[in-house]
Every structure is written in C-alpha cells, then in structure tokens.
PDB file of N, CA and C in Angstrom:
ATOM      1  N   UNK A   1       2.136  18.062 -37.612  1.00  0.00           N
ATOM      2  CA  UNK A   1       1.796  18.571 -36.271  1.00  0.00           C
ATOM      3  C   UNK A   1       2.343  17.759 -35.181  1.00  0.00           C
ATOM      4  N   UNK A   2       3.083  16.639 -34.910  1.00  0.00           N
ATOM      5  CA  UNK A   2       3.563  15.732 -34.082  1.00  0.00           C
ATOM      6  C   UNK A   2       4.915  16.596 -33.801  1.00  0.00           C
ATOM      7  N   UNK A   3       5.654  17.113 -34.752  1.00  0.00           N
ATOM      8  CA  UNK A   3       6.696  17.808 -34.881  1.00  0.00           C
ATOM      9  C   UNK A   3       6.328  19.285 -33.952  1.00  0.00           C
ATOM     10  N   UNK A   4       5.601  19.592 -34.525  1.00  0.00           N
ATOM     11  CA  UNK A   4       5.432  21.180 -33.800  1.00  0.00           C
ATOM     12  C   UNK A   4       5.149  20.883 -32.125  1.00  0.00           C
ATOM     13  N   UNK A   5       4.375  19.780 -31.605  1.00  0.00           N
ATOM     14  CA  UNK A   5       3.827  19.367 -29.936  1.00  0.00           C
ATOM     15  C   UNK A   5       5.395  18.904 -29.529  1.00  0.00           C
ATOM     16  N   UNK A   6       6.197  18.155 -30.130  1.00  0.00           N
ATOM     17  CA  UNK A   6       7.190  18.091 -29.567  1.00  0.00           C
ATOM     18  C   UNK A   6       8.512  19.225 -29.577  1.00  0.00           C
ATOM     19  N   UNK A   7       7.946  20.299 -30.413  1.00  0.00           N
ATOM     20  CA  UNK A   7       8.965  21.333 -30.416  1.00  0.00           C
ATOM     21  C   UNK A   7       8.461  22.062 -29.445  1.00  0.00           C
ATOM     22  N   UNK A   8       7.314  22.270 -28.775  1.00  0.00           N
ATOM     23  CA  UNK A   8       6.831  23.159 -27.745  1.00  0.00           C
ATOM     24  C   UNK A   8       6.875  22.577 -26.646  1.00  0.00           C
ATOM     25  N   UNK A   9       6.744  21.280 -26.430  1.00  0.00           N
ATOM     26  CA  UNK A   9       7.455  20.355 -24.975  1.00  0.00           C
ATOM     27  C   UNK A   9       8.530  20.630 -24.685  1.00  0.00           C
ATOM     28  N   UNK A  10       9.628  20.706 -25.634  1.00  0.00           N
ATOM     29  CA  UNK A  10      10.836  20.724 -25.373  1.00  0.00           C
ATOM     30  C   UNK A  10      11.340  22.390 -25.270  1.00  0.00           C
ATOM     31  N   UNK A  11      10.765  23.406 -25.445  1.00  0.00           N
ATOM     32  CA  UNK A  11      10.907  24.772 -25.739  1.00  0.00           C
ATOM     33  C   UNK A  11      11.127  24.890 -24.295  1.00  0.00           C
ATOM     34  N   UNK A  12      10.526  24.501 -23.252  1.00  0.00           N
ATOM     35  CA  UNK A  12      10.886  25.336 -21.954  1.00  0.00           C
ATOM     36  C   UNK A  12      11.689  24.363 -21.204  1.00  0.00           C
ATOM     37  N   UNK A  13      12.218  23.183 -21.467  1.00  0.00           N
ATOM     38  CA  UNK A  13      13.437  22.642 -21.039  1.00  0.00           C
ATOM     39  C   UNK A  13      14.447  23.516 -21.205  1.00  0.00           C
ATOM     40  N   UNK A  14      14.719  23.634 -22.601  1.00  0.00           N
ATOM     41  CA  UNK A  14      16.233  24.506 -23.243  1.00  0.00           C
ATOM     42  C   UNK A  14      16.027  25.839 -22.032  1.00  0.00           C
ATOM     43  N   UNK A  15      14.947  26.534 -22.119  1.00  0.00           N
ATOM     44  CA  UNK A  15      14.852  27.437 -20.791  1.00  0.00           C
ATOM     45  C   UNK A  15      15.150  27.446 -19.506  1.00  0.00           C
ATOM     46  N   UNK A  16      14.429  26.472 -19.328  1.00  0.00           N
ATOM     47  CA  UNK A  16      15.006  25.637 -17.589  1.00  0.00           C
ATOM     48  C   UNK A  16      16.361  25.737 -17.544  1.00  0.00           C
ATOM     49  N   UNK A  17      17.170  25.056 -18.668  1.00  0.00           N
ATOM     50  CA  UNK A  17      18.757  24.829 -18.505  1.00  0.00           C
ATOM     51  C   UNK A  17      19.310  26.155 -18.661  1.00  0.00           C
ATOM     52  N   UNK A  18      18.719  27.072 -19.374  1.00  0.00           N
ATOM     53  CA  UNK A  18      19.814  28.522 -19.493  1.00  0.00           C
ATOM     54  C   UNK A  18      19.526  28.749 -17.993  1.00  0.00           C
ATOM     55  N   UNK A  19      18.349  28.925 -17.330  1.00  0.00           N
ATOM     56  CA  UNK A  19      18.118  29.407 -16.039  1.00  0.00           C
ATOM     57  C   UNK A  19      19.013  28.849 -15.215  1.00  0.00           C
ATOM     58  N   UNK A  20      19.348  27.293 -15.127  1.00  0.00           N
ATOM     59  CA  UNK A  20      20.040  26.865 -14.540  1.00  0.00           C
ATOM     60  C   UNK A  20      21.239  27.221 -14.566  1.00  0.00           C
ATOM     61  N   UNK A  21      21.794  27.404 -16.053  1.00  0.00           N
ATOM     62  CA  UNK A  21      23.239  27.900 -15.961  1.00  0.00           C
ATOM     63  C   UNK A  21      23.432  29.123 -15.524  1.00  0.00           C
ATOM     64  N   UNK A  22      22.774  30.106 -15.710  1.00  0.00           N
ATOM     65  CA  UNK A  22      22.684  31.325 -14.997  1.00  0.00           C
ATOM     66  C   UNK A  22      22.635  31.341 -13.586  1.00  0.00           C
ATOM     67  N   UNK A  23      22.067  30.244 -12.896  1.00  0.00           N
ATOM     68  CA  UNK A  23      21.988  30.454 -11.247  1.00  0.00           C
ATOM     69  C   UNK A  23      23.311  29.662 -10.570  1.00  0.00           C
ATOM     70  N   UNK A  24      23.777  28.776 -11.675  1.00  0.00           N
ATOM     71  CA  UNK A  24      25.148  28.067 -11.593  1.00  0.00           C
ATOM     72  C   UNK A  24      25.967  29.426 -11.478  1.00  0.00           C
ATOM     73  N   UNK A  25      26.205  29.782 -12.404  1.00  0.00           N
ATOM     74  CA  UNK A  25      26.989  31.028 -12.918  1.00  0.00           C
ATOM     75  C   UNK A  25      26.993  32.346 -11.561  1.00  0.00           C
ATOM     76  N   UNK A  26      25.756  32.682 -11.132  1.00  0.00           N
ATOM     77  CA  UNK A  26      25.510  33.384  -9.733  1.00  0.00           C
ATOM     78  C   UNK A  26      26.143  32.884  -9.115  1.00  0.00           C
ATOM     79  N   UNK A  27      25.721  31.914  -8.649  1.00  0.00           N
ATOM     80  CA  UNK A  27      26.286  30.843  -7.057  1.00  0.00           C
ATOM     81  C   UNK A  27      27.919  30.861  -7.482  1.00  0.00           C
ATOM     82  N   UNK A  28      28.310  30.482  -8.479  1.00  0.00           N
ATOM     83  CA  UNK A  28      29.909  30.726  -8.496  1.00  0.00           C
ATOM     84  C   UNK A  28      30.765  31.829  -8.277  1.00  0.00           C
ATOM     85  N   UNK A  29      29.823  33.324  -8.468  1.00  0.00           N
ATOM     86  CA  UNK A  29      30.356  34.229  -8.502  1.00  0.00           C
ATOM     87  C   UNK A  29      29.923  34.856  -7.085  1.00  0.00           C
ATOM     88  N   UNK A  30      29.297  34.243  -6.482  1.00  0.00           N
ATOM     89  CA  UNK A  30      28.855  34.616  -4.763  1.00  0.00           C
ATOM     90  C   UNK A  30      29.811  34.017  -4.250  1.00  0.00           C
ATOM     91  N   UNK A  31      30.211  32.779  -4.456  1.00  0.00           N
ATOM     92  CA  UNK A  31      31.259  31.824  -3.703  1.00  0.00           C
ATOM     93  C   UNK A  31      32.518  32.580  -3.327  1.00  0.00           C
ATOM     94  N   UNK A  32      32.683  33.063  -4.964  1.00  0.00           N
ATOM     95  CA  UNK A  32      33.906  33.554  -4.977  1.00  0.00           C
ATOM     96  C   UNK A  32      34.374  34.965  -4.319  1.00  0.00           C
ATOM     97  N   UNK A  33      33.148  35.850  -4.291  1.00  0.00           N
ATOM     98  CA  UNK A  33      33.116  37.075  -3.613  1.00  0.00           C
ATOM     99  C   UNK A  33      33.085  36.889  -1.929  1.00  0.00           C
ATOM    100  N   UNK A  34      32.630  35.784  -1.527  1.00  0.00           N
ATOM    101  CA  UNK A  34      32.527  35.169  -0.329  1.00  0.00           C
ATOM    102  C   UNK A  34      33.834  34.970   0.496  1.00  0.00           C
ATOM    103  N   UNK A  35      34.765  34.140  -0.748  1.00  0.00           N
ATOM    104  CA  UNK A  35      36.237  34.015  -0.347  1.00  0.00           C
ATOM    105  C   UNK A  35      36.889  34.919  -0.273  1.00  0.00           C
ATOM    106  N   UNK A  36      36.724  36.082  -1.290  1.00  0.00           N
ATOM    107  CA  UNK A  36      37.776  37.219  -1.286  1.00  0.00           C
ATOM    108  C   UNK A  36      37.194  38.206   0.003  1.00  0.00           C
ATOM    109  N   UNK A  37      35.845  38.080   0.814  1.00  0.00           N
ATOM    110  CA  UNK A  37      35.444  38.763   2.171  1.00  0.00           C
ATOM    111  C   UNK A  37      36.143  38.016   2.912  1.00  0.00           C
ATOM    112  N   UNK A  38      36.122  36.796   3.133  1.00  0.00           N
ATOM    113  CA  UNK A  38      36.948  35.773   4.095  1.00  0.00           C
ATOM    114  C   UNK A  38      38.507  36.613   4.232  1.00  0.00           C
ATOM    115  N   UNK A  39      39.020  36.388   2.776  1.00  0.00           N
ATOM    116  CA  UNK A  39      40.529  36.561   2.780  1.00  0.00           C
ATOM    117  C   UNK A  39      40.721  38.244   3.467  1.00  0.00           C
ATOM    118  N   UNK A  40      39.814  39.249   3.102  1.00  0.00           N
ATOM    119  CA  UNK A  40      40.286  40.449   3.194  1.00  0.00           C
ATOM    120  C   UNK A  40      39.976  40.752   4.698  1.00  0.00           C
ATOM    121  N   UNK A  41      38.524  39.507   5.577  1.00  0.00           N
ATOM    122  CA  UNK A  41      38.461  39.913   6.996  1.00  0.00           C
ATOM    123  C   UNK A  41      39.996  39.512   7.533  1.00  0.00           C
ATOM    124  N   UNK A  42      40.247  38.328   7.323  1.00  0.00           N
ATOM    125  CA  UNK A  42      41.491  37.810   8.076  1.00  0.00           C
ATOM    126  C   UNK A  42      42.685  38.821   8.129  1.00  0.00           C
ATOM    127  N   UNK A  43      43.019  39.683   6.899  1.00  0.00           N
ATOM    128  CA  UNK A  43      43.948  40.427   6.885  1.00  0.00           C
ATOM    129  C   UNK A  43      43.323  41.771   7.865  1.00  0.00           C
ATOM    130  N   UNK A  44      42.262  42.065   7.648  1.00  0.00           N
ATOM    131  CA  UNK A  44      41.960  43.309   8.610  1.00  0.00           C
ATOM    132  C   UNK A  44      42.053  42.737   9.983  1.00  0.00           C
ATOM    133  N   UNK A  45      41.588  41.706  10.207  1.00  0.00           N
ATOM    134  CA  UNK A  45      41.239  41.392  11.733  1.00  0.00           C
ATOM    135  C   UNK A  45      43.131  41.367  12.314  1.00  0.00           C
ATOM    136  N   UNK A  46      43.727  40.919  11.588  1.00  0.00           N
ATOM    137  CA  UNK A  46      45.318  40.679  12.034  1.00  0.00           C
ATOM    138  C   UNK A  46      46.008  41.844  12.389  1.00  0.00           C
ATOM    139  N   UNK A  47      45.350  43.257  11.446  1.00  0.00           N
ATOM    140  CA  UNK A  47      46.223  44.271  11.583  1.00  0.00           C
ATOM    141  C   UNK A  47      45.400  45.373  12.472  1.00  0.00           C
ATOM    142  N   UNK A  48      44.136  44.978  12.731  1.00  0.00           N
ATOM    143  CA  UNK A  48      43.156  45.999  13.307  1.00  0.00           C
ATOM    144  C   UNK A  48      43.240  46.163  14.881  1.00  0.00           C
ATOM    145  N   UNK A  49      43.269  47.278  15.343  1.00  0.00           N
ATOM    146  CA  UNK A  49      43.017  47.407  16.820  1.00  0.00           C
ATOM    147  C   UNK A  49      41.492  47.326  17.251  1.00  0.00           C
ATOM    148  N   UNK A  50      40.933  46.831  16.716  1.00  0.00           N
ATOM    149  CA  UNK A  50      39.244  46.893  16.574  1.00  0.00           C
ATOM    150  C   UNK A  50      39.088  45.385  17.571  1.00  0.00           C
ATOM    151  N   UNK A  51      38.338  45.185  18.329  1.00  0.00           N
ATOM    152  CA  UNK A  51      37.882  43.980  18.640  1.00  0.00           C
ATOM    153  C   UNK A  51      37.280  42.874  17.858  1.00  0.00           C
ATOM    154  N   UNK A  52      37.028  41.847  17.948  1.00  0.00           N
ATOM    155  CA  UNK A  52      36.679  41.091  17.035  1.00  0.00           C
ATOM    156  C   UNK A  52      34.895  41.186  16.819  1.00  0.00           C
ATOM    157  N   UNK A  53      34.361  41.913  17.884  1.00  0.00           N
ATOM    158  CA  UNK A  53      32.968  42.028  17.856  1.00  0.00           C
ATOM    159  C   UNK A  53      32.777  43.417  16.998  1.00  0.00           C
ATOM    160  N   UNK A  54      33.522  44.557  16.861  1.00  0.00           N
ATOM    161  CA  UNK A  54      33.879  45.704  16.389  1.00  0.00           C
ATOM    162  C   UNK A  54      34.034  45.373  15.067  1.00  0.00           C
ATOM    163  N   UNK A  55      34.959  44.451  14.835  1.00  0.00           N
ATOM    164  CA  UNK A  55      35.199  44.118  13.264  1.00  0.00           C
ATOM    165  C   UNK A  55      34.122  43.659  12.689  1.00  0.00           C
ATOM    166  N   UNK A  56      33.612  42.897  13.435  1.00  0.00           N
ATOM    167  CA  UNK A  56      32.399  41.803  12.735  1.00  0.00           C
ATOM    168  C   UNK A  56      31.167  42.766  12.509  1.00  0.00           C
ATOM    169  N   UNK A  57      30.712  43.662  13.579  1.00  0.00           N
ATOM    170  CA  UNK A  57      29.799  44.783  12.980  1.00  0.00           C
ATOM    171  C   UNK A  57      30.306  45.617  11.777  1.00  0.00           C
ATOM    172  N   UNK A  58      31.385  45.998  11.666  1.00  0.00           N
ATOM    173  CA  UNK A  58      31.823  46.709  10.775  1.00  0.00           C
ATOM    174  C   UNK A  58      31.679  46.058   9.357  1.00  0.00           C
ATOM    175  N   UNK A  59      32.137  44.779   9.578  1.00  0.00           N
ATOM    176  CA  UNK A  59      31.831  43.782   8.347  1.00  0.00           C
ATOM    177  C   UNK A  59      30.573  43.859   7.810  1.00  0.00           C
ATOM    178  N   UNK A  60      29.569  43.630   8.742  1.00  0.00           N
ATOM    179  CA  UNK A  60      28.020  43.352   8.538  1.00  0.00           C
ATOM    180  C   UNK A  60      27.664  44.734   8.179  1.00  0.00           C
ATOM    181  N   UNK A  61      27.875  45.489   8.339  1.00  0.00           N
ATOM    182  CA  UNK A  61      27.532  47.198   7.718  1.00  0.00           C
ATOM    183  C   UNK A  61      28.012  47.271   6.464  1.00  0.00           C
ATOM    184  N   UNK A  62      28.896  46.842   5.964  1.00  0.00           N
ATOM    185  CA  UNK A  62      29.947  46.647   4.800  1.00  0.00           C
ATOM    186  C   UNK A  62      29.215  45.505   4.047  1.00  0.00           C
ATOM    187  N   UNK A  63      29.014  44.362   4.022  1.00  0.00           N
ATOM    188  CA  UNK A  63      28.074  43.548   3.445  1.00  0.00           C
ATOM    189  C   UNK A  63      26.671  44.293   3.080  1.00  0.00           C
ATOM    190  N   UNK A  64      25.979  45.034   4.212  1.00  0.00           N
ATOM    191  CA  UNK A  64      24.948  45.481   3.909  1.00  0.00           C
ATOM    192  C   UNK A  64      24.726  46.481   2.973  1.00  0.00           C
ATOM    193  N   UNK A  65      26.100  47.628   2.734  1.00  0.00           N
ATOM    194  CA  UNK A  65      26.133  48.507   1.842  1.00  0.00           C
ATOM    195  C   UNK A  65      26.299  47.537   0.252  1.00  0.00           C
ATOM    196  N   UNK A  66      27.094  46.701   0.360  1.00  0.00           N
ATOM    197  CA  UNK A  66      27.259  45.983  -1.049  1.00  0.00           C
ATOM    198  C   UNK A  66      26.067  45.449  -1.374  1.00  0.00           C
ATOM    199  N   UNK A  67      25.133  44.652  -0.631  1.00  0.00           N
ATOM    200  CA  UNK A  67      24.016  44.115  -0.955  1.00  0.00           C
ATOM    201  C   UNK A  67      23.099  45.122  -1.592  1.00  0.00           C
ATOM    202  N   UNK A  68      23.330  46.377  -0.877  1.00  0.00           N
ATOM    203  CA  UNK A  68      22.326  47.264  -1.230  1.00  0.00           C
ATOM    204  C   UNK A  68      22.478  47.812  -2.736  1.00  0.00           C
ATOM    205  N   UNK A  69      23.865  48.090  -3.045  1.00  0.00           N
ATOM    206  CA  UNK A  69      24.604  48.517  -4.160  1.00  0.00           C
ATOM    207  C   UNK A  69      24.331  47.432  -5.360  1.00  0.00           C
ATOM    208  N   UNK A  70      24.291  46.155  -5.245  1.00  0.00           N
ATOM    209  CA  UNK A  70      23.952  45.285  -6.278  1.00  0.00           C
ATOM    210  C   UNK A  70      22.552  45.261  -6.665  1.00  0.00           C
ATOM    211  N   UNK A  71      21.838  45.182  -5.201  1.00  0.00           N
ATOM    212  CA  UNK A  71      20.234  45.455  -5.708  1.00  0.00           C
ATOM    213  C   UNK A  71      19.777  46.447  -6.492  1.00  0.00           C
ATOM    214  N   UNK A  72      20.342  47.920  -6.371  1.00  0.00           N
ATOM    215  CA  UNK A  72      20.153  49.134  -7.095  1.00  0.00           C
ATOM    216  C   UNK A  72      20.757  48.632  -8.380  1.00  0.00           C
ATOM    217  N   UNK A  73      21.906  47.932  -8.594  1.00  0.00           N
ATOM    218  CA  UNK A  73      22.525  47.788  -9.987  1.00  0.00           C
ATOM    219  C   UNK A  73      21.609  46.658 -10.825  1.00  0.00           C
ATOM    220  N   UNK A  74      20.552  45.842 -10.401  1.00  0.00           N
ATOM    221  CA  UNK A  74      19.996  44.912 -10.818  1.00  0.00           C
ATOM    222  C   UNK A  74      18.709  45.435 -11.793  1.00  0.00           C
TER     223      UNK A  74
END
C-alpha cells in the first residue's frame, strides 16, 4: 500500500519534468529562430533601399505572419 502511494506521489514529478524538458526545447528553438531573424535582418538592412522604420515595419508584418502560421500548425 505504501509503495502505491509513493508511486502516485512521484508520477506528477515525472510529468512535470517532461513538461520542463519540452519548454526548454521550445525555448531553445525560439532563441535559434530569433538569432536567424536578427542575422537576416542585418543582411536585409545592409542591402535595402528602405529606411530603418520601413524595414522594421516589414519585419513586424513578417513576424506576425510567421506567428499566425505557427499557431495554425499547432
């Protein structure tokens, strides 16, 4: 009986641990995407005839589209 209670107590910890792993993995993916966005923005800004404000507006629209696509994919 004691073993069953202990098993039930520790089961949520295992689930929490896996959720933490998933969150850490997603965080790493988002950081990698942000680095890629920053790199591409730098290339775009260097070669673009657009002003900084125009580039930022274009980037914001692209990020909104990306976020919408990711939400639809979930």
